[in-house]
Protein backbone atom coordinates (compact mmCIF):
# COMPACT_ATOMS: atom_id res chain seq x y z
CA MET A 1 -3.64 -149.55 11.66
CA PRO A 2 -3.45 -153.33 11.27
CA GLU A 3 -6.64 -154.83 12.21
CA SER A 4 -5.46 -158.35 13.56
CA TRP A 5 -4.82 -158.36 17.04
CA TRP A 6 -0.80 -159.38 16.96
CA GLY A 7 -0.50 -156.61 14.32
CA ASN A 8 -2.07 -154.17 17.08
CA ALA A 9 -0.07 -155.36 19.82
CA ILE A 10 2.84 -154.75 17.69
CA PHE A 11 2.19 -151.66 16.17
CA SER A 12 1.80 -150.71 19.60
CA LEU A 13 4.90 -152.13 21.42
CA VAL A 14 7.37 -150.99 18.69
CA PRO A 15 7.31 -147.30 19.46
CA THR A 16 7.95 -148.19 22.80
CA ILE A 17 10.65 -150.22 22.37
CA VAL A 18 12.56 -148.02 19.73
CA LEU A 19 11.84 -144.93 22.52
CA GLY A 20 13.85 -147.50 25.09
CA LEU A 21 16.40 -148.06 22.99
CA ILE A 22 17.39 -144.48 22.35
CA PHE A 23 17.09 -143.73 25.87
CA TRP A 24 19.35 -146.38 26.43
CA MET A 25 21.87 -145.15 24.00
CA VAL A 26 21.93 -141.74 25.10
CA MET A 27 22.28 -142.66 28.60
CA ARG A 28 25.42 -145.45 27.79
CA MET A 29 26.96 -142.37 26.01
CA ILE A 30 26.39 -139.52 29.09
CA ILE A 31 28.15 -142.08 31.23
CA ARG A 32 30.86 -143.45 28.97
CA GLY A 33 31.37 -139.46 28.26
CA ASP A 34 31.81 -138.88 32.16
CA ARG A 35 33.93 -141.54 32.75
CA THR A 36 36.33 -140.33 29.92
CA ALA A 37 36.19 -137.17 31.18
CA ARG A 38 37.46 -138.43 34.49
CA ARG A 39 39.76 -140.10 33.43
CA GLU A 40 41.80 -137.39 31.36
CA TYR A 41 41.28 -135.22 34.13
CA ASP A 42 43.41 -137.73 36.97
CA ARG A 43 45.96 -138.19 33.85
CA VAL A 44 46.06 -134.21 33.46
CA GLU A 45 46.14 -134.03 37.15
CA ALA A 46 48.88 -136.44 37.52
CA GLU A 47 50.72 -134.73 35.13
CA GLU A 48 50.83 -131.38 36.63
CA ARG A 49 51.29 -132.88 39.77
CA ILE A 50 54.97 -134.18 38.85
CA LYS A 51 55.40 -131.19 37.34
CA MET A 52 55.21 -129.54 40.61
CA GLY A 53 57.21 -132.09 42.48
CA LEU A 54 53.71 -133.50 44.46
CA PRO A 55 53.13 -137.25 45.03
CA PRO A 56 50.85 -138.79 43.36
CA ARG A 57 46.99 -138.14 44.70
CA GLY A 58 46.05 -141.17 46.97
CA THR A 59 49.00 -141.54 48.57
CA ALA A 60 49.81 -140.99 52.41
CA ALA A 61 52.57 -138.46 51.53
CA ALA A 62 49.91 -136.97 49.06
CA SER A 63 47.58 -135.95 51.80
CA VAL A 64 49.73 -134.35 54.09
CA THR A 65 51.41 -132.25 51.45
CA ASP A 66 47.79 -131.38 49.82
CA ALA A 67 47.97 -128.06 51.65
CA SER A 68 51.07 -127.04 50.73
CA ALA A 69 50.15 -128.25 47.42
CA ASP A 70 47.34 -125.27 47.64
CA GLU A 71 49.88 -123.05 48.57
CA ALA A 72 52.17 -123.90 45.35
CA LEU A 73 49.16 -123.64 43.08
CA GLN A 74 48.84 -119.96 44.28
CA ALA A 75 52.19 -119.24 44.37
CA ARG A 76 52.23 -120.18 40.46
CA ARG A 77 49.21 -118.42 39.83
CA PRO A 78 49.58 -116.09 36.19
CA GLU A 79 48.27 -113.15 37.38
CA ASP A 80 51.31 -112.55 39.52
CA LEU A 81 53.29 -113.18 36.95
CA ARG A 82 51.98 -110.55 34.46
CA HIS A 83 52.51 -108.10 36.76
CA GLY A 84 55.67 -108.93 37.35
CA GLU A 85 55.97 -109.70 41.41
CA PRO A 86 57.86 -112.62 42.01
CA PRO A 87 56.10 -115.78 43.11
CA ALA A 88 55.22 -116.31 46.97
CA GLY A 89 57.44 -118.33 48.73
């Protein structure tokens, strides 16, 4: 332990600063990871909507066809195809 006043002040502040920096780095990584995952999910969803012939999400036409999109997704379920049943619709 340092004997001087400044030495004690620095010795007691350094652990707090280091822990604060570690906390900040961990939170930054979590937030960036979440942002990247959401971006990738949106990209994959847009690709799947294009494959199904649906308009992009967020357009006026998309809000009208969201109910039909749910029906289209249910019609293409892999469970239906595994049992040899034709897709609904």
